[in-house]
């Protein structure tokens, strides 16, 4: 059932979707950078949370588990600081790993097709997707930041369409002043 609260949330979702979409379309590399920094901030907060829990623990706990907790706390905070300070490094690492995975997948698919060709005739069209996967992996290896930024542009367009669709839905289905329906009334179809 549509209520005023649901419609107001719809308006809020549409505004956030449009804003996020525009952000990803206009500044995709900056959006990637800030997303990595945000992940770093979450790692820092997780480490600080563990530190607070450590100080609130029962004082009699000793041994192996507290040592692991200190390692987890320190590692989480250190990784978080590293992500916040050097986001470009992690974006390049992610792009490099992603590119290698795609290159390996493309080569594996091409080899499988070549082996299958020994048993039967394989049309040339079946080689298109593995070749595109291989090519995409190579592009990502050469330009990781730009490739990830391109992905964010696509996410931005989708988010923008989502926000616009939500805004249209909010406008079309909002209750008119003369058409206020009580919450316990049934809707006829």
N, C-alpha and C. Protein backbone atom coordinates (compact mmCIF):
# COMPACT_ATOMS: atom_id res chain seq x y z
N UNK A 1 0.84 -1.17 0.00
CA UNK A 1 0.00 0.00 0.00
C UNK A 1 0.90 1.24 0.00
N UNK A 2 0.56 2.21 -0.84
CA UNK A 2 1.33 3.44 -0.90
C UNK A 2 0.95 4.34 0.26
N UNK A 3 1.94 4.85 0.94
CA UNK A 3 1.68 5.82 2.00
C UNK A 3 2.55 7.04 1.75
N UNK A 4 2.30 8.08 2.50
CA UNK A 4 3.08 9.31 2.36
C UNK A 4 4.55 9.03 2.65
N UNK A 5 4.83 8.24 3.68
CA UNK A 5 6.23 7.94 4.05
C UNK A 5 6.93 7.22 2.91
N UNK A 6 6.27 6.24 2.30
CA UNK A 6 6.88 5.51 1.18
C UNK A 6 7.18 6.45 0.03
N UNK A 7 6.26 7.35 -0.26
CA UNK A 7 6.48 8.29 -1.37
C UNK A 7 7.62 9.25 -1.06
N UNK A 8 7.74 9.69 0.20
CA UNK A 8 8.85 10.57 0.56
C UNK A 8 10.18 9.83 0.45
N UNK A 9 10.20 8.56 0.82
CA UNK A 9 11.41 7.76 0.67
C UNK A 9 11.74 7.58 -0.81
N UNK A 10 10.72 7.47 -1.62
CA UNK A 10 10.92 7.35 -3.06
C UNK A 10 11.58 8.62 -3.60
N UNK A 11 11.13 9.78 -3.14
CA UNK A 11 11.74 11.04 -3.57
C UNK A 11 13.19 11.10 -3.11
N UNK A 12 13.47 10.69 -1.89
CA UNK A 12 14.84 10.70 -1.37
C UNK A 12 15.73 9.74 -2.18
N UNK A 13 15.21 8.53 -2.47
CA UNK A 13 15.98 7.57 -3.28
C UNK A 13 16.26 8.13 -4.66
N UNK A 14 15.28 8.81 -5.25
CA UNK A 14 15.50 9.36 -6.59
C UNK A 14 16.56 10.46 -6.57
N UNK A 15 16.53 11.30 -5.58
CA UNK A 15 17.53 12.37 -5.48
C UNK A 15 18.92 11.78 -5.27
N UNK A 16 19.03 10.80 -4.38
CA UNK A 16 20.34 10.16 -4.14
C UNK A 16 20.82 9.42 -5.38
N UNK A 17 19.92 8.73 -6.08
CA UNK A 17 20.29 8.01 -7.30
C UNK A 17 20.79 8.95 -8.38
N UNK A 18 20.09 10.06 -8.56
CA UNK A 18 20.51 11.04 -9.57
C UNK A 18 21.84 11.66 -9.19
N UNK A 19 22.00 12.04 -7.92
CA UNK A 19 23.25 12.66 -7.47
C UNK A 19 24.43 11.69 -7.62
N UNK A 20 24.24 10.45 -7.20
CA UNK A 20 25.30 9.44 -7.32
C UNK A 20 25.63 9.18 -8.79
N UNK A 21 24.59 9.08 -9.62
CA UNK A 21 24.81 8.87 -11.05
C UNK A 21 25.60 9.99 -11.67
N UNK A 22 25.23 11.22 -11.37
CA UNK A 22 25.96 12.37 -11.93
C UNK A 22 27.40 12.40 -11.43
N UNK A 23 27.60 12.09 -10.15
CA UNK A 23 28.95 12.04 -9.60
C UNK A 23 29.81 11.02 -10.34
N UNK A 24 29.27 9.81 -10.55
CA UNK A 24 30.02 8.75 -11.24
C UNK A 24 30.26 9.10 -12.71
N UNK A 25 29.33 9.80 -13.35
CA UNK A 25 29.50 10.15 -14.76
C UNK A 25 30.49 11.30 -14.93
N UNK A 26 30.37 12.32 -14.10
CA UNK A 26 31.20 13.52 -14.26
C UNK A 26 32.62 13.30 -13.74
N UNK A 27 32.76 12.66 -12.58
CA UNK A 27 34.08 12.45 -11.96
C UNK A 27 34.30 10.98 -11.63
N UNK A 28 34.41 10.10 -12.62
CA UNK A 28 34.54 8.66 -12.30
C UNK A 28 35.84 8.31 -11.57
N UNK A 29 36.96 8.92 -11.97
CA UNK A 29 38.23 8.60 -11.31
C UNK A 29 38.24 9.10 -9.88
N UNK A 30 37.65 10.25 -9.64
CA UNK A 30 37.56 10.77 -8.28
C UNK A 30 36.64 9.88 -7.44
N UNK A 31 35.55 9.40 -8.04
CA UNK A 31 34.63 8.52 -7.32
C UNK A 31 35.33 7.23 -6.91
N UNK A 32 36.13 6.66 -7.80
CA UNK A 32 36.88 5.44 -7.47
C UNK A 32 37.83 5.74 -6.31
N UNK A 33 38.52 6.86 -6.41
CA UNK A 33 39.48 7.26 -5.38
C UNK A 33 38.78 7.38 -4.01
N UNK A 34 37.65 8.05 -3.98
CA UNK A 34 36.94 8.23 -2.72
C UNK A 34 36.33 6.93 -2.21
N UNK A 35 35.93 6.04 -3.11
CA UNK A 35 35.41 4.74 -2.68
C UNK A 35 36.50 3.95 -1.97
N UNK A 36 37.71 3.96 -2.50
CA UNK A 36 38.82 3.26 -1.85
C UNK A 36 39.13 3.91 -0.50
N UNK A 37 39.10 5.23 -0.44
CA UNK A 37 39.33 5.92 0.83
C UNK A 37 38.24 5.59 1.85
N UNK A 38 37.00 5.46 1.38
CA UNK A 38 35.91 5.10 2.26
C UNK A 38 36.11 3.69 2.82
N UNK A 39 36.56 2.77 1.98
CA UNK A 39 36.89 1.42 2.45
C UNK A 39 37.99 1.49 3.51
N UNK A 40 38.98 2.34 3.28
CA UNK A 40 40.05 2.53 4.27
C UNK A 40 39.51 3.05 5.59
N UNK A 41 38.58 3.99 5.51
CA UNK A 41 37.99 4.52 6.74
C UNK A 41 37.24 3.43 7.51
N UNK A 42 36.57 2.54 6.78
CA UNK A 42 35.88 1.43 7.45
C UNK A 42 36.87 0.49 8.12
N UNK A 43 38.02 0.23 7.48
CA UNK A 43 39.04 -0.60 8.11
C UNK A 43 39.57 0.07 9.38
N UNK A 44 39.78 1.37 9.33
CA UNK A 44 40.25 2.10 10.52
C UNK A 44 39.22 2.01 11.64
N UNK A 45 37.94 2.22 11.29
CA UNK A 45 36.89 2.13 12.30
C UNK A 45 36.79 0.73 12.90
N UNK A 46 36.96 -0.30 12.07
CA UNK A 46 36.93 -1.67 12.58
C UNK A 46 38.09 -1.91 13.55
N UNK A 47 39.27 -1.38 13.23
CA UNK A 47 40.41 -1.53 14.12
C UNK A 47 40.21 -0.78 15.42
N UNK A 48 39.66 0.41 15.34
CA UNK A 48 39.40 1.20 16.56
C UNK A 48 38.33 0.51 17.41
N UNK A 49 37.31 -0.03 16.75
CA UNK A 49 36.27 -0.77 17.47
C UNK A 49 36.89 -1.97 18.22
N UNK A 50 37.77 -2.69 17.55
CA UNK A 50 38.45 -3.82 18.21
C UNK A 50 39.29 -3.35 19.38
N UNK A 51 39.93 -2.21 19.23
CA UNK A 51 40.73 -1.64 20.30
C UNK A 51 39.86 -1.30 21.51
N UNK A 52 38.71 -0.69 21.26
CA UNK A 52 37.79 -0.36 22.35
C UNK A 52 37.30 -1.63 23.04
N UNK A 53 36.96 -2.65 22.26
CA UNK A 53 36.52 -3.93 22.83
C UNK A 53 37.64 -4.54 23.68
N UNK A 54 38.87 -4.40 23.22
CA UNK A 54 40.01 -4.92 23.98
C UNK A 54 40.10 -4.27 25.36
N UNK A 55 39.88 -2.98 25.44
CA UNK A 55 39.98 -2.29 26.72
C UNK A 55 38.77 -2.55 27.61
N UNK A 56 37.65 -2.98 27.04
CA UNK A 56 36.47 -3.28 27.83
C UNK A 56 36.38 -4.76 28.19
N UNK A 57 37.35 -5.55 27.81
CA UNK A 57 37.31 -7.00 28.03
C UNK A 57 37.46 -7.31 29.52
N UNK A 58 37.21 -8.57 29.82
CA UNK A 58 37.47 -9.03 31.18
C UNK A 58 38.98 -9.09 31.36
N UNK A 59 39.48 -8.61 32.44
CA UNK A 59 40.93 -8.47 32.63
C UNK A 59 41.65 -9.81 32.77
N UNK A 60 40.95 -10.90 33.04
CA UNK A 60 41.61 -12.19 33.24
C UNK A 60 41.94 -12.93 31.95
N UNK A 61 41.52 -12.43 30.81
CA UNK A 61 41.73 -13.14 29.54
C UNK A 61 43.16 -12.94 29.09
N UNK A 62 43.87 -14.06 28.86
CA UNK A 62 45.26 -14.00 28.41
C UNK A 62 45.47 -15.10 27.40
N UNK A 63 46.63 -15.11 26.76
CA UNK A 63 46.98 -16.21 25.88
C UNK A 63 46.98 -15.84 24.41
N UNK A 64 46.62 -16.84 23.60
CA UNK A 64 46.77 -16.75 22.15
C UNK A 64 45.74 -15.81 21.50
N UNK A 65 44.48 -15.86 21.94
CA UNK A 65 43.42 -15.06 21.33
C UNK A 65 43.68 -13.56 21.46
N UNK A 66 44.06 -13.04 22.62
CA UNK A 66 44.35 -11.60 22.70
C UNK A 66 45.50 -11.18 21.78
N UNK A 67 46.48 -12.04 21.59
CA UNK A 67 47.58 -11.70 20.68
C UNK A 67 47.05 -11.58 19.25
N UNK A 68 46.16 -12.48 18.84
CA UNK A 68 45.56 -12.39 17.51
C UNK A 68 44.71 -11.14 17.37
N UNK A 69 44.04 -10.76 18.45
CA UNK A 69 43.23 -9.54 18.42
C UNK A 69 44.10 -8.32 18.19
N UNK A 70 45.27 -8.27 18.83
CA UNK A 70 46.19 -7.15 18.62
C UNK A 70 46.69 -7.11 17.17
N UNK A 71 46.96 -8.29 16.61
CA UNK A 71 47.41 -8.34 15.21
C UNK A 71 46.29 -7.87 14.29
N UNK A 72 45.06 -8.31 14.55
CA UNK A 72 43.92 -7.90 13.73
C UNK A 72 43.68 -6.39 13.85
N UNK A 73 43.77 -5.87 15.08
CA UNK A 73 43.58 -4.43 15.28
C UNK A 73 44.62 -3.63 14.53
N UNK A 74 45.87 -3.99 14.74
CA UNK A 74 46.95 -3.26 14.09
C UNK A 74 46.90 -3.38 12.58
N UNK A 75 46.62 -4.59 12.10
CA UNK A 75 46.54 -4.79 10.65
C UNK A 75 45.39 -4.02 10.03
N UNK A 76 44.25 -4.02 10.69
CA UNK A 76 43.09 -3.31 10.17
C UNK A 76 43.34 -1.80 10.13
N UNK A 77 43.90 -1.27 11.19
CA UNK A 77 44.18 0.17 11.23
C UNK A 77 45.25 0.52 10.21
N UNK A 78 46.31 -0.28 10.12
CA UNK A 78 47.39 -0.01 9.16
C UNK A 78 46.89 -0.08 7.72
N UNK A 79 46.10 -1.11 7.41
CA UNK A 79 45.56 -1.22 6.05
C UNK A 79 44.62 -0.06 5.75
N UNK A 80 43.81 0.31 6.72
CA UNK A 80 42.91 1.45 6.54
C UNK A 80 43.65 2.74 6.26
N UNK A 81 44.70 2.98 7.03
CA UNK A 81 45.50 4.20 6.81
C UNK A 81 46.15 4.15 5.43
N UNK A 82 46.66 2.99 5.04
CA UNK A 82 47.29 2.83 3.72
C UNK A 82 46.28 3.09 2.60
N UNK A 83 45.06 2.56 2.74
CA UNK A 83 44.02 2.80 1.74
C UNK A 83 43.66 4.28 1.65
N UNK A 84 43.59 4.95 2.79
CA UNK A 84 43.24 6.37 2.80
C UNK A 84 44.36 7.21 2.20
N UNK A 85 45.61 6.87 2.52
CA UNK A 85 46.75 7.68 2.08
C UNK A 85 47.13 7.40 0.62
N UNK A 86 47.06 6.13 0.19
CA UNK A 86 47.51 5.76 -1.16
C UNK A 86 46.43 4.97 -1.91
N UNK A 87 45.28 5.58 -2.23
CA UNK A 87 44.23 4.83 -2.91
C UNK A 87 44.62 4.41 -4.34
N UNK A 88 45.40 5.21 -5.03
CA UNK A 88 45.82 4.89 -6.40
C UNK A 88 46.58 3.59 -6.49
N UNK A 89 47.40 3.30 -5.49
CA UNK A 89 48.16 2.05 -5.45
C UNK A 89 47.21 0.85 -5.46
N UNK A 90 46.18 0.88 -4.62
CA UNK A 90 45.26 -0.24 -4.53
C UNK A 90 44.37 -0.34 -5.77
N UNK A 91 44.04 0.79 -6.37
CA UNK A 91 43.27 0.76 -7.61
C UNK A 91 44.08 0.07 -8.70
N UNK A 92 45.37 0.40 -8.79
CA UNK A 92 46.24 -0.24 -9.79
C UNK A 92 46.39 -1.74 -9.52
N UNK A 93 46.56 -2.10 -8.26
CA UNK A 93 46.68 -3.53 -7.90
C UNK A 93 45.39 -4.27 -8.28
N UNK A 94 44.25 -3.70 -7.93
CA UNK A 94 42.97 -4.31 -8.27
C UNK A 94 42.83 -4.45 -9.78
N UNK A 95 43.15 -3.38 -10.51
CA UNK A 95 43.08 -3.43 -11.97
C UNK A 95 44.02 -4.46 -12.55
N UNK A 96 45.22 -4.55 -12.00
CA UNK A 96 46.20 -5.52 -12.48
C UNK A 96 45.69 -6.96 -12.26
N UNK A 97 45.18 -7.24 -11.06
CA UNK A 97 44.67 -8.59 -10.77
C UNK A 97 43.46 -8.90 -11.65
N UNK A 98 42.56 -7.93 -11.80
CA UNK A 98 41.38 -8.10 -12.64
C UNK A 98 41.79 -8.36 -14.08
N UNK A 99 42.76 -7.59 -14.58
CA UNK A 99 43.25 -7.78 -15.94
C UNK A 99 43.88 -9.15 -16.15
N UNK A 100 44.69 -9.59 -15.20
CA UNK A 100 45.33 -10.91 -15.31
C UNK A 100 44.27 -12.01 -15.33
N UNK A 101 43.26 -11.89 -14.47
CA UNK A 101 42.20 -12.90 -14.44
C UNK A 101 41.47 -12.96 -15.78
N UNK A 102 41.18 -11.81 -16.37
CA UNK A 102 40.49 -11.80 -17.66
C UNK A 102 41.37 -12.35 -18.78
N UNK A 103 42.66 -12.02 -18.77
CA UNK A 103 43.57 -12.56 -19.78
C UNK A 103 43.64 -14.08 -19.67
N UNK A 104 43.81 -14.57 -18.46
CA UNK A 104 43.87 -16.03 -18.26
C UNK A 104 42.56 -16.68 -18.70
N UNK A 105 41.43 -16.07 -18.35
CA UNK A 105 40.13 -16.64 -18.74
C UNK A 105 39.97 -16.65 -20.26
N UNK A 106 40.35 -15.55 -20.92
CA UNK A 106 40.25 -15.51 -22.38
C UNK A 106 41.14 -16.54 -23.05
N UNK A 107 42.38 -16.67 -22.58
CA UNK A 107 43.31 -17.66 -23.14
C UNK A 107 42.77 -19.07 -22.90
N UNK A 108 42.26 -19.34 -21.71
CA UNK A 108 41.73 -20.66 -21.39
C UNK A 108 40.56 -21.01 -22.30
N UNK A 109 39.67 -20.05 -22.55
CA UNK A 109 38.54 -20.31 -23.42
C UNK A 109 38.98 -20.55 -24.86
N UNK A 110 39.95 -19.78 -25.32
CA UNK A 110 40.46 -19.99 -26.68
C UNK A 110 41.11 -21.36 -26.81
N UNK A 111 41.89 -21.76 -25.83
CA UNK A 111 42.54 -23.08 -25.86
C UNK A 111 41.48 -24.19 -25.85
N UNK A 112 40.43 -24.01 -25.04
CA UNK A 112 39.35 -25.01 -25.01
C UNK A 112 38.68 -25.12 -26.38
N UNK A 113 38.46 -23.99 -27.04
CA UNK A 113 37.86 -24.03 -28.37
C UNK A 113 38.78 -24.70 -29.38
N UNK A 114 40.08 -24.41 -29.27
CA UNK A 114 41.03 -25.04 -30.20
C UNK A 114 41.09 -26.55 -29.99
N UNK A 115 41.01 -26.99 -28.75
CA UNK A 115 40.99 -28.44 -28.48
C UNK A 115 39.69 -29.06 -28.97
N UNK A 116 38.58 -28.36 -28.79
CA UNK A 116 37.29 -28.88 -29.24
C UNK A 116 37.24 -28.94 -30.77
N UNK A 117 38.02 -28.11 -31.42
CA UNK A 117 38.06 -28.09 -32.88
C UNK A 117 38.63 -29.39 -33.44
N UNK A 118 39.41 -30.11 -32.64
CA UNK A 118 39.95 -31.40 -33.08
C UNK A 118 38.83 -32.43 -33.24
N UNK A 119 37.75 -32.31 -32.49
CA UNK A 119 36.66 -33.28 -32.52
C UNK A 119 35.52 -32.86 -33.45
N UNK A 120 35.31 -31.55 -33.60
CA UNK A 120 34.20 -31.07 -34.43
C UNK A 120 34.52 -29.69 -34.98
N UNK A 121 33.71 -29.25 -35.89
CA UNK A 121 33.89 -27.93 -36.50
C UNK A 121 33.30 -26.88 -35.56
N UNK A 122 34.11 -25.88 -35.24
CA UNK A 122 33.68 -24.78 -34.36
C UNK A 122 33.55 -23.53 -35.23
N UNK A 123 32.35 -22.94 -35.32
CA UNK A 123 32.20 -21.72 -36.11
C UNK A 123 33.05 -20.58 -35.53
N UNK A 124 33.45 -19.69 -36.39
CA UNK A 124 34.33 -18.57 -36.01
C UNK A 124 33.67 -17.67 -34.96
N UNK A 125 32.35 -17.55 -35.00
CA UNK A 125 31.65 -16.67 -34.08
C UNK A 125 31.89 -17.06 -32.62
N UNK A 126 32.17 -18.33 -32.35
CA UNK A 126 32.43 -18.78 -30.98
C UNK A 126 33.76 -18.25 -30.44
N UNK A 127 34.61 -17.77 -31.29
CA UNK A 127 35.90 -17.24 -30.87
C UNK A 127 35.81 -15.75 -30.50
N UNK A 128 34.69 -15.11 -30.80
CA UNK A 128 34.55 -13.66 -30.60
C UNK A 128 34.60 -13.31 -29.10
N UNK A 129 33.77 -13.94 -28.29
CA UNK A 129 33.73 -13.58 -26.87
C UNK A 129 35.05 -13.87 -26.15
N UNK A 130 35.67 -15.02 -26.34
CA UNK A 130 36.97 -15.22 -25.69
C UNK A 130 38.02 -14.20 -26.14
N UNK A 131 37.96 -13.83 -27.42
CA UNK A 131 38.91 -12.81 -27.90
C UNK A 131 38.63 -11.46 -27.26
N UNK A 132 37.35 -11.11 -27.11
CA UNK A 132 37.00 -9.85 -26.44
C UNK A 132 37.40 -9.86 -24.97
N UNK A 133 37.24 -10.99 -24.31
CA UNK A 133 37.66 -11.11 -22.90
C UNK A 133 39.17 -10.92 -22.80
N UNK A 134 39.91 -11.55 -23.69
CA UNK A 134 41.37 -11.41 -23.71
C UNK A 134 41.76 -9.97 -23.99
N UNK A 135 41.10 -9.35 -24.95
CA UNK A 135 41.39 -7.94 -25.28
C UNK A 135 41.05 -7.02 -24.11
N UNK A 136 39.88 -7.26 -23.47
CA UNK A 136 39.50 -6.45 -22.31
C UNK A 136 40.49 -6.58 -21.17
N UNK A 137 40.96 -7.79 -20.92
CA UNK A 137 41.98 -7.99 -19.88
C UNK A 137 43.26 -7.24 -20.20
N UNK A 138 43.65 -7.26 -21.47
CA UNK A 138 44.85 -6.52 -21.87
C UNK A 138 44.70 -5.03 -21.68
N UNK A 139 43.55 -4.50 -22.03
CA UNK A 139 43.29 -3.06 -21.85
C UNK A 139 43.33 -2.70 -20.37
N UNK A 140 42.74 -3.54 -19.54
CA UNK A 140 42.75 -3.27 -18.09
C UNK A 140 44.18 -3.33 -17.55
N UNK A 141 45.00 -4.26 -18.07
CA UNK A 141 46.39 -4.32 -17.62
C UNK A 141 47.16 -3.06 -18.00
N UNK A 142 46.87 -2.52 -19.17
CA UNK A 142 47.60 -1.32 -19.64
C UNK A 142 47.09 -0.04 -18.98
N UNK A 143 45.79 0.07 -18.75
CA UNK A 143 45.20 1.29 -18.20
C UNK A 143 44.21 0.94 -17.09
N UNK A 144 44.70 0.48 -15.92
CA UNK A 144 43.77 0.00 -14.88
C UNK A 144 42.86 1.09 -14.32
N UNK A 145 43.38 2.27 -14.06
CA UNK A 145 42.56 3.32 -13.45
C UNK A 145 41.47 3.77 -14.42
N UNK A 146 41.83 3.95 -15.70
CA UNK A 146 40.85 4.37 -16.69
C UNK A 146 39.78 3.31 -16.90
N UNK A 147 40.18 2.03 -16.86
CA UNK A 147 39.20 0.95 -17.04
C UNK A 147 38.22 0.90 -15.89
N UNK A 148 38.71 1.06 -14.68
CA UNK A 148 37.82 1.06 -13.52
C UNK A 148 36.94 2.31 -13.53
N UNK A 149 37.51 3.45 -13.95
CA UNK A 149 36.72 4.67 -14.06
C UNK A 149 35.62 4.49 -15.11
N UNK A 150 35.92 3.79 -16.20
CA UNK A 150 34.90 3.51 -17.21
C UNK A 150 33.76 2.68 -16.65
N UNK A 151 34.11 1.73 -15.79
CA UNK A 151 33.07 0.93 -15.12
C UNK A 151 32.19 1.83 -14.26
N UNK A 152 32.80 2.80 -13.61
CA UNK A 152 32.03 3.72 -12.78
C UNK A 152 31.12 4.61 -13.62
N UNK A 153 31.53 4.94 -14.85
CA UNK A 153 30.65 5.70 -15.73
C UNK A 153 29.40 4.89 -16.04
N UNK A 154 29.58 3.60 -16.33
CA UNK A 154 28.43 2.73 -16.59
C UNK A 154 27.53 2.66 -15.35
N UNK A 155 28.14 2.48 -14.17
CA UNK A 155 27.36 2.47 -12.93
C UNK A 155 26.64 3.80 -12.74
N UNK A 156 27.29 4.90 -13.13
CA UNK A 156 26.67 6.21 -13.01
C UNK A 156 25.46 6.36 -13.91
N UNK A 157 25.55 5.88 -15.13
CA UNK A 157 24.42 5.95 -16.06
C UNK A 157 23.25 5.13 -15.51
N UNK A 158 23.55 3.92 -15.03
CA UNK A 158 22.49 3.07 -14.46
C UNK A 158 21.87 3.74 -13.24
N UNK A 159 22.69 4.32 -12.38
CA UNK A 159 22.18 4.99 -11.19
C UNK A 159 21.34 6.22 -11.57
N UNK A 160 21.76 6.94 -12.59
CA UNK A 160 21.00 8.09 -13.06
C UNK A 160 19.64 7.66 -13.59
N UNK A 161 19.60 6.59 -14.39
CA UNK A 161 18.33 6.08 -14.88
C UNK A 161 17.44 5.61 -13.73
N UNK A 162 18.04 4.96 -12.75
CA UNK A 162 17.28 4.53 -11.57
C UNK A 162 16.66 5.74 -10.87
N UNK A 163 17.47 6.77 -10.63
CA UNK A 163 16.97 7.97 -9.95
C UNK A 163 15.87 8.65 -10.73
N UNK A 164 16.03 8.76 -12.05
CA UNK A 164 14.99 9.40 -12.87
C UNK A 164 13.71 8.57 -12.86
N UNK A 165 13.84 7.25 -12.95
CA UNK A 165 12.67 6.38 -12.91
C UNK A 165 11.96 6.49 -11.56
N UNK A 166 12.72 6.54 -10.50
CA UNK A 166 12.14 6.68 -9.16
C UNK A 166 11.43 8.03 -9.02
N UNK A 167 12.01 9.09 -9.59
CA UNK A 167 11.41 10.42 -9.55
C UNK A 167 10.10 10.46 -10.33
N UNK A 168 10.09 9.84 -11.50
CA UNK A 168 8.87 9.77 -12.30
C UNK A 168 7.80 8.99 -11.55
N UNK A 169 8.18 7.87 -10.95
CA UNK A 169 7.23 7.08 -10.16
C UNK A 169 6.69 7.87 -8.98
N UNK A 170 7.55 8.62 -8.32
CA UNK A 170 7.11 9.44 -7.19
C UNK A 170 6.10 10.48 -7.65
N UNK A 171 6.38 11.12 -8.78
CA UNK A 171 5.49 12.18 -9.29
C UNK A 171 4.15 11.60 -9.76
N UNK A 172 4.20 10.49 -10.47
CA UNK A 172 2.97 9.91 -11.05
C UNK A 172 2.07 9.29 -9.98
N UNK A 173 2.64 8.70 -8.95
CA UNK A 173 1.84 7.92 -8.00
C UNK A 173 1.65 8.59 -6.65
N UNK A 174 2.00 9.87 -6.54
CA UNK A 174 1.76 10.55 -5.28
C UNK A 174 0.27 10.81 -5.13
N UNK A 175 -0.24 10.76 -3.91
CA UNK A 175 -1.69 10.97 -3.74
C UNK A 175 -2.06 12.42 -3.99
N UNK A 176 -3.17 12.62 -4.65
CA UNK A 176 -3.70 13.97 -4.87
C UNK A 176 -4.47 14.37 -3.61
N UNK A 177 -4.67 15.66 -3.42
CA UNK A 177 -5.33 16.13 -2.20
C UNK A 177 -6.75 15.56 -2.05
N UNK A 178 -7.49 15.44 -3.15
CA UNK A 178 -8.85 14.94 -3.07
C UNK A 178 -8.88 13.41 -3.03
N UNK A 179 -7.73 12.77 -3.17
CA UNK A 179 -7.66 11.32 -3.35
C UNK A 179 -6.96 10.63 -2.19
N UNK A 180 -7.03 11.18 -0.98
CA UNK A 180 -6.36 10.58 0.16
C UNK A 180 -7.10 9.30 0.55
N UNK A 181 -6.37 8.19 0.57
CA UNK A 181 -6.95 6.88 0.85
C UNK A 181 -6.58 6.49 2.27
N UNK A 182 -7.58 6.10 3.10
CA UNK A 182 -7.23 5.65 4.45
C UNK A 182 -6.39 4.39 4.39
N UNK A 183 -5.56 4.19 5.39
CA UNK A 183 -4.62 3.07 5.37
C UNK A 183 -5.31 1.72 5.44
N UNK A 184 -6.50 1.64 6.05
CA UNK A 184 -7.16 0.35 6.19
C UNK A 184 -8.08 0.02 5.01
N UNK A 185 -8.18 0.91 4.03
CA UNK A 185 -9.01 0.66 2.85
C UNK A 185 -8.31 -0.29 1.91
N UNK A 186 -9.10 -1.16 1.27
CA UNK A 186 -8.53 -2.12 0.34
C UNK A 186 -8.49 -1.50 -1.06
N UNK A 187 -7.46 -1.85 -1.81
CA UNK A 187 -7.30 -1.35 -3.17
C UNK A 187 -7.92 -2.34 -4.13
N UNK A 188 -8.81 -1.85 -4.99
CA UNK A 188 -9.44 -2.73 -5.98
C UNK A 188 -8.60 -2.75 -7.24
N UNK A 189 -8.51 -3.92 -7.84
CA UNK A 189 -7.72 -4.05 -9.07
C UNK A 189 -8.62 -4.22 -10.26
